Amino acid sequence: MRHIPTTATAVEKLKLEAKRLSQTTDTSLTAARELVAKAAGYNDWKHVTCCATTTRGLKGHQRLERVAQELFEDALLRALLTENLVGLLSSTGGGVFSESASGERVQVDSPERMNEHVVPRLLELLQGLGQHGALLEADVRVNGAEVCLSAFLPPVCDPIAWSIVRRSHVPASARKPVLLDIRLLNWRQ
C-alpha cells in the first residue's frame, strides 16, 4: 500500500465530505467514506486511516533523521549499509551477533555497549514511526540501503531483543512498506 501524506485536518475534511454525501444521498456513512476515499486517491477508508497514522508518526522527520544518524554511527551498523554484513541481532541472553551473507553468525565484542547504543535509539526511531506494542517493526531506507528494524519488548521478550537486517535478507512476507527514506549527510565512513 503506497503512503499518501495525510494530516489530521485532511482526514477531518474527508469525514465532513463523506457526511455531506451520506446526508444528501441514500448512502450509508461507511459507504460514503469509501467513495470519498477513492475519489481522493486512496484505495479505501482504511488506507486513509493508515496513511494518517503513518503521517503522524513521521512528524518530527528531522528528529528521526538525528536518531537514525546516532543509531548508524556505530561501525557495525554502518557495515550493514555498505553490504559487509546482512544483519545485527541480539539474543534473549543479551548477546549481540553479526551475520554475514553466508549465514555465519559471530558474537560481537562488548554486547553491553552495543545494546546500550542500539536499544534507546532503535526504540525512539520505531516509536517515532508510529510503532506501538510489544513487537515494533518498520522498514527504512538509509543512504539507499533498505533495512528492516524490529524490537521485541516485555512481556514478549525480557530483556529487549532487537534486530536490524538488510531487507533483501528478510522473507518477502515479513517485509513492511518503507516508512522512512533518509540520506545521512556528513556520514562518517
N, C-alpha and C. Protein backbone atom coordinates (compact mmCIF):
# COMPACT_ATOMS: atom_id res chain seq x y z
N MET A 1 0.85 -1.17 0.00
CA MET A 1 0.00 0.00 0.00
C MET A 1 0.90 1.23 0.00
N ARG A 2 0.70 2.14 -0.95
CA ARG A 2 1.55 3.33 -1.03
C ARG A 2 1.14 4.33 0.04
N HIS A 3 2.12 5.10 0.50
CA HIS A 3 1.85 6.10 1.53
C HIS A 3 1.50 7.43 0.87
N ILE A 4 0.40 8.02 1.33
CA ILE A 4 -0.01 9.36 0.93
C ILE A 4 0.05 10.20 2.20
N PRO A 5 0.90 11.24 2.24
CA PRO A 5 0.92 12.08 3.45
C PRO A 5 -0.49 12.59 3.76
N THR A 6 -0.97 12.31 4.97
CA THR A 6 -2.35 12.60 5.34
C THR A 6 -2.39 13.20 6.73
N THR A 7 -2.71 14.48 6.82
CA THR A 7 -2.79 15.16 8.12
C THR A 7 -4.14 14.89 8.77
N ALA A 8 -4.22 15.19 10.05
CA ALA A 8 -5.49 15.05 10.78
C ALA A 8 -6.53 15.98 10.16
N THR A 9 -6.11 17.15 9.72
CA THR A 9 -7.02 18.10 9.08
C THR A 9 -7.59 17.51 7.79
N ALA A 10 -6.74 16.84 7.00
CA ALA A 10 -7.21 16.21 5.76
C ALA A 10 -8.23 15.12 6.06
N VAL A 11 -8.00 14.34 7.11
CA VAL A 11 -8.95 13.29 7.49
C VAL A 11 -10.29 13.91 7.88
N GLU A 12 -10.25 15.00 8.65
CA GLU A 12 -11.48 15.67 9.07
C GLU A 12 -12.26 16.19 7.86
N LYS A 13 -11.54 16.75 6.89
CA LYS A 13 -12.20 17.25 5.66
C LYS A 13 -12.86 16.10 4.90
N LEU A 14 -12.16 14.96 4.82
CA LEU A 14 -12.73 13.79 4.14
C LEU A 14 -13.96 13.28 4.89
N LYS A 15 -13.90 13.30 6.22
CA LYS A 15 -15.06 12.87 7.03
C LYS A 15 -16.26 13.78 6.79
N LEU A 16 -15.99 15.10 6.77
CA LEU A 16 -17.09 16.04 6.52
C LEU A 16 -17.69 15.85 5.14
N GLU A 17 -16.83 15.64 4.16
CA GLU A 17 -17.30 15.41 2.79
C GLU A 17 -18.16 14.14 2.74
N ALA A 18 -17.71 13.09 3.42
CA ALA A 18 -18.46 11.84 3.45
C ALA A 18 -19.80 12.02 4.17
N LYS A 19 -19.79 12.80 5.24
CA LYS A 19 -21.03 13.05 5.99
C LYS A 19 -22.04 13.80 5.11
N ARG A 20 -21.55 14.82 4.39
CA ARG A 20 -22.44 15.57 3.48
C ARG A 20 -23.00 14.65 2.40
N LEU A 21 -22.12 13.82 1.83
CA LEU A 21 -22.56 12.88 0.79
C LEU A 21 -23.60 11.93 1.34
N SER A 22 -23.38 11.43 2.54
CA SER A 22 -24.31 10.49 3.17
C SER A 22 -25.67 11.15 3.42
N GLN A 23 -25.64 12.43 3.83
CA GLN A 23 -26.89 13.14 4.14
C GLN A 23 -27.66 13.55 2.89
N THR A 24 -26.94 13.79 1.78
CA THR A 24 -27.62 14.27 0.56
C THR A 24 -27.99 13.15 -0.41
N THR A 25 -27.52 11.95 -0.13
CA THR A 25 -27.86 10.80 -0.97
C THR A 25 -28.36 9.68 -0.08
N ASP A 26 -28.79 8.64 -0.68
CA ASP A 26 -29.25 7.48 0.09
C ASP A 26 -28.07 6.51 0.26
N THR A 27 -27.00 7.01 0.92
CA THR A 27 -25.78 6.24 1.10
C THR A 27 -25.43 6.19 2.58
N SER A 28 -25.02 5.03 3.06
CA SER A 28 -24.60 4.95 4.46
C SER A 28 -23.30 5.74 4.64
N LEU A 29 -23.02 6.14 5.86
CA LEU A 29 -21.79 6.88 6.14
C LEU A 29 -20.57 6.04 5.79
N THR A 30 -20.61 4.75 6.07
CA THR A 30 -19.49 3.87 5.76
C THR A 30 -19.24 3.83 4.25
N ALA A 31 -20.31 3.67 3.48
CA ALA A 31 -20.17 3.63 2.02
C ALA A 31 -19.70 4.99 1.49
N ALA A 32 -20.19 6.07 2.09
CA ALA A 32 -19.78 7.42 1.66
C ALA A 32 -18.29 7.64 1.93
N ARG A 33 -17.81 7.15 3.06
CA ARG A 33 -16.38 7.27 3.36
C ARG A 33 -15.54 6.52 2.32
N GLU A 34 -15.99 5.35 1.96
CA GLU A 34 -15.26 4.57 0.94
C GLU A 34 -15.21 5.34 -0.38
N LEU A 35 -16.35 5.90 -0.80
CA LEU A 35 -16.42 6.66 -2.06
C LEU A 35 -15.52 7.89 -2.02
N VAL A 36 -15.58 8.62 -0.91
CA VAL A 36 -14.77 9.84 -0.77
C VAL A 36 -13.29 9.48 -0.76
N ALA A 37 -12.94 8.41 -0.08
CA ALA A 37 -11.53 7.99 -0.03
C ALA A 37 -11.02 7.67 -1.43
N LYS A 38 -11.78 6.91 -2.18
CA LYS A 38 -11.37 6.54 -3.55
C LYS A 38 -11.27 7.77 -4.45
N ALA A 39 -12.21 8.70 -4.31
CA ALA A 39 -12.18 9.93 -5.11
C ALA A 39 -10.95 10.77 -4.79
N ALA A 40 -10.45 10.66 -3.55
CA ALA A 40 -9.27 11.44 -3.12
C ALA A 40 -7.96 10.71 -3.45
N GLY A 41 -8.04 9.52 -4.07
CA GLY A 41 -6.83 8.82 -4.48
C GLY A 41 -6.38 7.70 -3.57
N TYR A 42 -7.17 7.41 -2.53
CA TYR A 42 -6.84 6.31 -1.61
C TYR A 42 -7.47 5.02 -2.12
N ASN A 43 -6.97 3.89 -1.64
CA ASN A 43 -7.56 2.60 -2.02
C ASN A 43 -8.95 2.43 -1.40
N ASP A 44 -9.07 2.85 -0.12
CA ASP A 44 -10.31 2.73 0.64
C ASP A 44 -10.16 3.56 1.91
N TRP A 45 -11.18 3.54 2.79
CA TRP A 45 -11.11 4.34 4.01
C TRP A 45 -10.02 3.85 4.95
N LYS A 46 -9.79 2.56 4.99
CA LYS A 46 -8.71 2.02 5.84
C LYS A 46 -7.36 2.59 5.39
N HIS A 47 -7.17 2.76 4.09
CA HIS A 47 -5.95 3.36 3.56
C HIS A 47 -5.79 4.79 4.08
N VAL A 48 -6.90 5.53 4.16
CA VAL A 48 -6.86 6.90 4.70
C VAL A 48 -6.35 6.87 6.14
N THR A 49 -6.93 6.00 6.96
CA THR A 49 -6.56 5.97 8.38
C THR A 49 -5.12 5.47 8.58
N CYS A 50 -4.70 4.51 7.77
CA CYS A 50 -3.31 4.02 7.86
C CYS A 50 -2.33 5.13 7.48
N CYS A 51 -2.63 5.85 6.41
CA CYS A 51 -1.76 6.94 5.98
C CYS A 51 -1.70 8.05 7.02
N ALA A 52 -2.84 8.34 7.66
CA ALA A 52 -2.87 9.37 8.70
C ALA A 52 -2.01 8.94 9.89
N THR A 53 -2.11 7.68 10.27
CA THR A 53 -1.30 7.17 11.38
C THR A 53 0.18 7.25 11.05
N THR A 54 0.55 6.86 9.85
CA THR A 54 1.95 6.91 9.43
C THR A 54 2.44 8.35 9.37
N THR A 55 1.61 9.25 8.86
CA THR A 55 2.00 10.66 8.77
C THR A 55 2.23 11.23 10.17
N ARG A 56 1.35 10.89 11.11
CA ARG A 56 1.55 11.34 12.50
C ARG A 56 2.88 10.84 13.02
N GLY A 57 3.21 9.58 12.71
CA GLY A 57 4.47 9.00 13.15
C GLY A 57 5.67 9.67 12.51
N LEU A 58 5.48 10.22 11.32
CA LEU A 58 6.60 10.84 10.61
C LEU A 58 6.81 12.30 10.98
N LYS A 59 5.91 12.85 11.82
CA LYS A 59 6.13 14.21 12.29
C LYS A 59 7.46 14.20 13.03
N GLY A 60 8.15 15.27 12.91
CA GLY A 60 9.45 15.30 13.54
C GLY A 60 10.48 14.57 12.71
N HIS A 61 10.33 14.61 11.37
CA HIS A 61 11.24 13.91 10.47
C HIS A 61 12.70 14.25 10.77
N GLN A 62 12.96 15.50 11.09
CA GLN A 62 14.33 15.89 11.41
C GLN A 62 14.82 15.18 12.66
N ARG A 63 13.93 15.03 13.65
CA ARG A 63 14.31 14.32 14.88
C ARG A 63 14.63 12.87 14.54
N LEU A 64 13.81 12.27 13.66
CA LEU A 64 14.06 10.89 13.27
C LEU A 64 15.38 10.76 12.51
N GLU A 65 15.70 11.74 11.68
CA GLU A 65 16.99 11.73 10.98
C GLU A 65 18.14 11.78 11.98
N ARG A 66 17.99 12.62 13.01
CA ARG A 66 19.03 12.72 14.03
C ARG A 66 19.19 11.38 14.76
N VAL A 67 18.08 10.75 15.11
CA VAL A 67 18.12 9.46 15.81
C VAL A 67 18.76 8.41 14.90
N ALA A 68 18.39 8.40 13.62
CA ALA A 68 18.98 7.44 12.68
C ALA A 68 20.48 7.69 12.54
N GLN A 69 20.87 8.97 12.48
CA GLN A 69 22.30 9.31 12.41
C GLN A 69 23.03 8.73 13.62
N GLU A 70 22.48 8.93 14.79
CA GLU A 70 23.11 8.41 16.01
C GLU A 70 23.14 6.88 16.01
N LEU A 71 22.06 6.27 15.56
CA LEU A 71 21.98 4.80 15.54
C LEU A 71 23.05 4.22 14.63
N PHE A 72 23.17 4.77 13.42
CA PHE A 72 24.09 4.19 12.44
C PHE A 72 25.51 4.73 12.56
N GLU A 73 25.80 5.47 13.64
CA GLU A 73 27.18 5.92 13.89
C GLU A 73 28.09 4.74 14.21
N ASP A 74 27.54 3.70 14.79
CA ASP A 74 28.35 2.55 15.17
C ASP A 74 28.89 1.87 13.92
N ALA A 75 30.15 1.47 13.96
CA ALA A 75 30.82 0.87 12.80
C ALA A 75 30.09 -0.38 12.30
N LEU A 76 29.59 -1.22 13.20
CA LEU A 76 28.89 -2.43 12.76
C LEU A 76 27.59 -2.08 12.04
N LEU A 77 26.89 -1.08 12.52
CA LEU A 77 25.66 -0.68 11.85
C LEU A 77 25.95 -0.03 10.52
N ARG A 78 27.03 0.71 10.42
CA ARG A 78 27.43 1.28 9.12
C ARG A 78 27.76 0.16 8.15
N ALA A 79 28.37 -0.91 8.65
CA ALA A 79 28.71 -2.04 7.79
C ALA A 79 27.46 -2.65 7.15
N LEU A 80 26.33 -2.59 7.85
CA LEU A 80 25.07 -3.07 7.27
C LEU A 80 24.71 -2.27 6.03
N LEU A 81 24.99 -0.99 6.05
CA LEU A 81 24.62 -0.13 4.95
C LEU A 81 25.60 -0.20 3.79
N THR A 82 26.78 -0.74 4.04
CA THR A 82 27.77 -0.84 2.97
C THR A 82 27.95 -2.28 2.51
N GLU A 83 27.00 -3.15 2.89
CA GLU A 83 26.91 -4.54 2.44
C GLU A 83 27.98 -5.48 2.96
N ASN A 84 28.72 -5.11 3.98
CA ASN A 84 29.66 -6.06 4.58
C ASN A 84 28.94 -7.08 5.45
N LEU A 85 27.81 -6.69 6.01
CA LEU A 85 27.01 -7.57 6.85
C LEU A 85 25.58 -7.58 6.32
N VAL A 86 24.82 -8.59 6.72
CA VAL A 86 23.40 -8.61 6.36
C VAL A 86 22.53 -8.37 7.58
N GLY A 87 23.08 -8.49 8.77
CA GLY A 87 22.25 -8.26 9.94
C GLY A 87 23.01 -8.18 11.23
N LEU A 88 22.38 -7.53 12.18
CA LEU A 88 22.83 -7.49 13.57
C LEU A 88 21.61 -7.85 14.40
N LEU A 89 21.79 -8.72 15.38
CA LEU A 89 20.67 -9.10 16.20
C LEU A 89 21.13 -9.41 17.61
N SER A 90 20.23 -9.19 18.54
CA SER A 90 20.52 -9.51 19.93
C SER A 90 19.80 -10.81 20.27
N SER A 91 20.35 -11.49 21.25
CA SER A 91 19.71 -12.73 21.71
C SER A 91 18.99 -12.44 23.01
N THR A 92 18.13 -13.35 23.42
CA THR A 92 17.41 -13.16 24.68
C THR A 92 18.35 -13.14 25.87
N GLY A 93 19.55 -13.70 25.71
CA GLY A 93 20.53 -13.69 26.79
C GLY A 93 21.36 -12.42 26.84
N GLY A 94 21.08 -11.47 25.94
CA GLY A 94 21.81 -10.21 25.96
C GLY A 94 23.00 -10.16 25.02
N GLY A 95 23.33 -11.27 24.36
CA GLY A 95 24.42 -11.26 23.40
C GLY A 95 24.01 -10.55 22.12
N VAL A 96 25.00 -10.08 21.38
CA VAL A 96 24.74 -9.43 20.10
C VAL A 96 25.58 -10.13 19.05
N PHE A 97 24.97 -10.43 17.90
CA PHE A 97 25.63 -11.18 16.84
C PHE A 97 25.55 -10.42 15.54
N SER A 98 26.61 -10.50 14.76
CA SER A 98 26.59 -10.00 13.39
C SER A 98 26.41 -11.22 12.50
N GLU A 99 25.76 -11.01 11.36
CA GLU A 99 25.53 -12.12 10.43
C GLU A 99 26.03 -11.71 9.05
N SER A 100 26.80 -12.61 8.45
CA SER A 100 27.32 -12.35 7.10
C SER A 100 26.36 -12.91 6.06
N ALA A 101 26.62 -12.61 4.80
CA ALA A 101 25.76 -13.10 3.71
C ALA A 101 25.74 -14.62 3.65
N SER A 102 26.79 -15.28 4.12
CA SER A 102 26.84 -16.74 4.10
C SER A 102 26.03 -17.36 5.24
N GLY A 103 25.52 -16.51 6.14
CA GLY A 103 24.74 -17.01 7.27
C GLY A 103 25.57 -17.21 8.52
N GLU A 104 26.86 -16.95 8.44
CA GLU A 104 27.74 -17.12 9.60
C GLU A 104 27.44 -16.03 10.63
N ARG A 105 27.24 -16.46 11.87
CA ARG A 105 27.00 -15.51 12.95
C ARG A 105 28.22 -15.46 13.86
N VAL A 106 28.60 -14.24 14.19
CA VAL A 106 29.76 -14.01 15.05
C VAL A 106 29.31 -13.14 16.21
N GLN A 107 29.65 -13.58 17.43
CA GLN A 107 29.29 -12.77 18.60
C GLN A 107 30.11 -11.49 18.59
N VAL A 108 29.44 -10.39 18.85
CA VAL A 108 30.06 -9.07 18.86
C VAL A 108 30.72 -8.84 20.21
N ASP A 109 31.94 -8.31 20.17
CA ASP A 109 32.60 -7.92 21.41
C ASP A 109 31.79 -6.81 22.05
N SER A 110 31.79 -6.73 23.34
CA SER A 110 31.08 -5.69 24.09
C SER A 110 29.59 -5.62 23.77
N PRO A 111 28.86 -6.73 23.94
CA PRO A 111 27.43 -6.67 23.64
C PRO A 111 26.69 -5.65 24.52
N GLU A 112 27.18 -5.44 25.75
CA GLU A 112 26.53 -4.46 26.63
C GLU A 112 26.60 -3.07 26.01
N ARG A 113 27.79 -2.72 25.48
CA ARG A 113 27.96 -1.41 24.85
C ARG A 113 27.05 -1.30 23.63
N MET A 114 27.00 -2.36 22.83
CA MET A 114 26.17 -2.35 21.63
C MET A 114 24.69 -2.19 22.01
N ASN A 115 24.24 -2.95 23.01
CA ASN A 115 22.84 -2.83 23.45
C ASN A 115 22.56 -1.43 23.99
N GLU A 116 23.49 -0.87 24.75
CA GLU A 116 23.32 0.48 25.29
C GLU A 116 23.24 1.50 24.17
N HIS A 117 23.96 1.27 23.10
CA HIS A 117 23.94 2.19 21.95
C HIS A 117 22.67 2.01 21.13
N VAL A 118 22.31 0.78 20.84
CA VAL A 118 21.23 0.50 19.89
C VAL A 118 19.84 0.65 20.50
N VAL A 119 19.58 0.04 21.65
CA VAL A 119 18.21 -0.06 22.16
C VAL A 119 17.49 1.28 22.28
N PRO A 120 18.04 2.28 22.96
CA PRO A 120 17.26 3.52 23.09
C PRO A 120 17.01 4.21 21.75
N ARG A 121 17.98 4.19 20.86
CA ARG A 121 17.82 4.85 19.56
C ARG A 121 16.85 4.08 18.67
N LEU A 122 16.96 2.75 18.68
CA LEU A 122 16.07 1.92 17.88
C LEU A 122 14.63 2.09 18.34
N LEU A 123 14.40 2.07 19.65
CA LEU A 123 13.05 2.24 20.17
C LEU A 123 12.50 3.63 19.83
N GLU A 124 13.32 4.67 19.96
CA GLU A 124 12.86 6.02 19.62
C GLU A 124 12.52 6.12 18.14
N LEU A 125 13.33 5.52 17.30
CA LEU A 125 13.07 5.55 15.86
C LEU A 125 11.79 4.79 15.52
N LEU A 126 11.64 3.57 16.05
CA LEU A 126 10.44 2.78 15.77
C LEU A 126 9.18 3.46 16.30
N GLN A 127 9.24 3.99 17.50
CA GLN A 127 8.07 4.66 18.06
C GLN A 127 7.78 5.96 17.31
N GLY A 128 8.83 6.64 16.86
CA GLY A 128 8.64 7.84 16.04
C GLY A 128 7.99 7.53 14.70
N LEU A 129 8.13 6.29 14.26
CA LEU A 129 7.48 5.85 13.01
C LEU A 129 6.08 5.30 13.27
N GLY A 130 5.58 5.51 14.48
CA GLY A 130 4.21 5.12 14.80
C GLY A 130 4.03 3.69 15.25
N GLN A 131 5.11 3.01 15.60
CA GLN A 131 5.02 1.62 16.04
C GLN A 131 4.77 1.57 17.55
N HIS A 132 3.83 0.71 17.98
CA HIS A 132 3.48 0.59 19.39
C HIS A 132 3.23 -0.87 19.73
N GLY A 133 3.28 -1.18 21.00
CA GLY A 133 3.01 -2.53 21.45
C GLY A 133 4.28 -3.25 21.85
N ALA A 134 4.18 -4.58 21.95
CA ALA A 134 5.32 -5.39 22.38
C ALA A 134 6.22 -5.80 21.22
N LEU A 135 5.72 -5.70 19.99
CA LEU A 135 6.52 -6.01 18.81
C LEU A 135 6.52 -4.78 17.92
N LEU A 136 7.68 -4.18 17.75
CA LEU A 136 7.82 -2.99 16.92
C LEU A 136 8.59 -3.36 15.67
N GLU A 137 8.05 -3.03 14.50
CA GLU A 137 8.71 -3.35 13.24
C GLU A 137 8.53 -2.21 12.25
N ALA A 138 9.58 -1.90 11.52
CA ALA A 138 9.48 -0.91 10.45
C ALA A 138 10.63 -1.13 9.48
N ASP A 139 10.38 -0.81 8.22
CA ASP A 139 11.42 -0.87 7.20
C ASP A 139 11.79 0.56 6.84
N VAL A 140 13.09 0.82 6.75
CA VAL A 140 13.57 2.15 6.41
C VAL A 140 14.64 2.05 5.33
N ARG A 141 14.84 3.17 4.65
CA ARG A 141 15.91 3.26 3.66
C ARG A 141 16.87 4.34 4.16
N VAL A 142 18.13 3.95 4.36
CA VAL A 142 19.14 4.87 4.85
C VAL A 142 20.27 4.91 3.84
N ASN A 143 20.49 6.09 3.27
CA ASN A 143 21.52 6.25 2.23
C ASN A 143 21.37 5.20 1.13
N GLY A 144 20.13 4.89 0.78
CA GLY A 144 19.85 3.95 -0.30
C GLY A 144 19.78 2.49 0.12
N ALA A 145 20.25 2.15 1.31
CA ALA A 145 20.22 0.77 1.79
C ALA A 145 18.92 0.54 2.57
N GLU A 146 18.19 -0.49 2.19
CA GLU A 146 16.93 -0.79 2.87
C GLU A 146 17.18 -1.80 3.98
N VAL A 147 16.68 -1.46 5.18
CA VAL A 147 16.86 -2.33 6.33
C VAL A 147 15.53 -2.50 7.06
N CYS A 148 15.38 -3.67 7.67
CA CYS A 148 14.21 -3.97 8.49
C CYS A 148 14.64 -3.83 9.95
N LEU A 149 13.90 -3.05 10.69
CA LEU A 149 14.17 -2.83 12.10
C LEU A 149 13.10 -3.53 12.91
N SER A 150 13.49 -4.20 13.99
CA SER A 150 12.48 -4.79 14.86
C SER A 150 12.99 -4.81 16.29
N ALA A 151 12.03 -4.74 17.20
CA ALA A 151 12.33 -4.82 18.63
C ALA A 151 11.20 -5.60 19.29
N PHE A 152 11.57 -6.50 20.17
CA PHE A 152 10.62 -7.31 20.92
C PHE A 152 10.73 -6.89 22.37
N LEU A 153 9.63 -6.36 22.92
CA LEU A 153 9.63 -5.79 24.26
C LEU A 153 8.93 -6.70 25.24
N PRO A 154 9.16 -6.49 26.55
CA PRO A 154 8.39 -7.23 27.54
C PRO A 154 6.91 -6.96 27.33
N PRO A 155 6.04 -7.89 27.52
CA PRO A 155 6.24 -9.21 28.10
C PRO A 155 6.67 -10.27 27.09
N VAL A 156 6.75 -9.92 25.79
CA VAL A 156 7.14 -10.89 24.77
C VAL A 156 8.57 -11.36 25.00
N CYS A 157 9.45 -10.45 25.33
CA CYS A 157 10.86 -10.79 25.47
C CYS A 157 11.48 -9.89 26.54
N ASP A 158 12.15 -10.49 27.51
CA ASP A 158 12.81 -9.72 28.56
C ASP A 158 14.17 -10.34 28.82
N PRO A 159 15.27 -9.66 28.56
CA PRO A 159 15.38 -8.26 28.17
C PRO A 159 14.96 -8.06 26.71
N ILE A 160 14.90 -6.79 26.31
CA ILE A 160 14.51 -6.43 24.94
C ILE A 160 15.43 -7.11 23.94
N ALA A 161 14.83 -7.73 22.93
CA ALA A 161 15.60 -8.31 21.83
C ALA A 161 15.35 -7.44 20.60
N TRP A 162 16.34 -7.33 19.74
CA TRP A 162 16.21 -6.46 18.57
C TRP A 162 16.96 -7.05 17.39
N SER A 163 16.62 -6.57 16.20
CA SER A 163 17.37 -6.95 15.01
C SER A 163 17.32 -5.81 14.00
N ILE A 164 18.40 -5.69 13.27
CA ILE A 164 18.49 -4.75 12.16
C ILE A 164 19.08 -5.57 11.01
N VAL A 165 18.27 -5.82 9.99
CA VAL A 165 18.65 -6.75 8.93
C VAL A 165 18.41 -6.10 7.57
N ARG A 166 19.34 -6.33 6.65
CA ARG A 166 19.14 -5.84 5.29
C ARG A 166 17.84 -6.43 4.76
N ARG A 167 17.03 -5.60 4.16
CA ARG A 167 15.70 -6.00 3.70
C ARG A 167 15.77 -7.15 2.69
N SER A 168 16.82 -7.21 1.92
CA SER A 168 16.97 -8.27 0.91
C SER A 168 17.14 -9.64 1.55
N HIS A 169 17.46 -9.70 2.84
CA HIS A 169 17.65 -10.98 3.53
C HIS A 169 16.49 -11.31 4.47
N VAL A 170 15.38 -10.64 4.28
CA VAL A 170 14.18 -10.90 5.07
C VAL A 170 13.15 -11.50 4.12
N PRO A 171 12.44 -12.54 4.53
CA PRO A 171 11.42 -13.12 3.65
C PRO A 171 10.43 -12.03 3.20
N ALA A 172 9.99 -12.12 1.97
CA ALA A 172 9.06 -11.12 1.42
C ALA A 172 7.82 -10.97 2.29
N SER A 173 7.36 -12.05 2.89
CA SER A 173 6.15 -11.99 3.72
C SER A 173 6.36 -11.17 4.98
N ALA A 174 7.61 -10.98 5.40
CA ALA A 174 7.90 -10.22 6.62
C ALA A 174 8.23 -8.76 6.34
N ARG A 175 8.36 -8.40 5.07
CA ARG A 175 8.71 -7.02 4.73
C ARG A 175 7.50 -6.11 4.91
N LYS A 176 7.79 -4.89 5.32
CA LYS A 176 6.78 -3.86 5.51
C LYS A 176 7.05 -2.75 4.49
N PRO A 177 6.08 -1.85 4.28
CA PRO A 177 6.36 -0.70 3.41
C PRO A 177 7.48 0.15 4.03
N VAL A 178 8.32 0.74 3.20
CA VAL A 178 9.38 1.60 3.69
C VAL A 178 8.73 2.87 4.25
N LEU A 179 8.92 3.12 5.55
CA LEU A 179 8.27 4.24 6.22
C LEU A 179 9.14 5.49 6.28
N LEU A 180 10.43 5.32 6.08
CA LEU A 180 11.33 6.45 6.21
C LEU A 180 12.44 6.29 5.19
N ASP A 181 12.70 7.33 4.44
CA ASP A 181 13.77 7.33 3.45
C ASP A 181 14.63 8.54 3.75
N ILE A 182 15.81 8.30 4.29
CA ILE A 182 16.66 9.42 4.67
C ILE A 182 18.05 9.28 4.10
N ARG A 183 18.66 10.39 3.93
CA ARG A 183 20.06 10.44 3.49
C ARG A 183 20.81 11.10 4.62
N LEU A 184 21.73 10.35 5.20
CA LEU A 184 22.53 10.87 6.30
C LEU A 184 23.72 11.62 5.69
N LEU A 185 23.72 12.93 5.86
CA LEU A 185 24.78 13.76 5.35
C LEU A 185 25.93 13.77 6.35
N ASN A 186 27.10 14.08 5.88
CA ASN A 186 28.29 14.12 6.72
C ASN A 186 28.45 12.81 7.48
N TRP A 187 28.11 11.72 6.80
CA TRP A 187 28.15 10.42 7.42
C TRP A 187 29.58 9.91 7.41
N ARG A 188 30.08 9.64 8.60
CA ARG A 188 31.48 9.20 8.71
C ARG A 188 31.62 7.76 8.29
N GLN A 189 32.46 7.52 7.31
CA GLN A 189 32.69 6.15 6.81
C GLN A 189 33.76 5.47 7.63
